[in-house]
Amino acid sequence: MTELPYKEGTVFSVPLKCGRKAWGVVARSAGGGVLCCYFFQSDPNSKVPQCKPNPENAVAAFRVGDLYLLNGRWDIVGVINPWKRKQWPIPFFIRRDILRPIAWEVDYGDNPNSIPQERRISLSADLPEDGLYGAGAAETYLGRILCRKVEDDKR
């Protein structure tokens, strides 16, 4: 069995179609190819994150497949040291019913591969959407968030 090129606390760059990049941090890895990562805005000329990443200033957090970390499309730029796992929890997510006005809080505990616990919550809860992004879908989603944000900041 080969060793994975990443571990919890790994910082990596995600190229975006607008020419910018995002930074990601692997918050949880339980094997099986599914990670929970936090993502951050990047300075376009920087080879490393400009700020010390922490979950509070993330632009997104979601579960994502590790394909682009495995094949090298997402460059690994370092590891947060010291890594403090408790400071990087898997967030609670929200899952909304598309046919009825109800929602659930989704809790994966400490394993992004686990079957989540769910409880009914308000539709207006401010939580990230539940789901699992493939690596390509993650790039597209981050591009929509960050490339649009850059354009809005220029105005």
Foldseek 3Di string as FASTA:
>chain_A
DDDQPDAAQWKWWAAAPVQAIKIKGFLADDDPFKTKIFIGGADNPDPDRPDDDFNVHTPDIAIEGCVCSRVVNIPTDGGDPPDDSVRRARWWAKEADPVDQWIWTWAPDRHPPRHTDIDTDHSPDPGHHYDYYYSVRVSVVVNVRHVVVVVVVVD
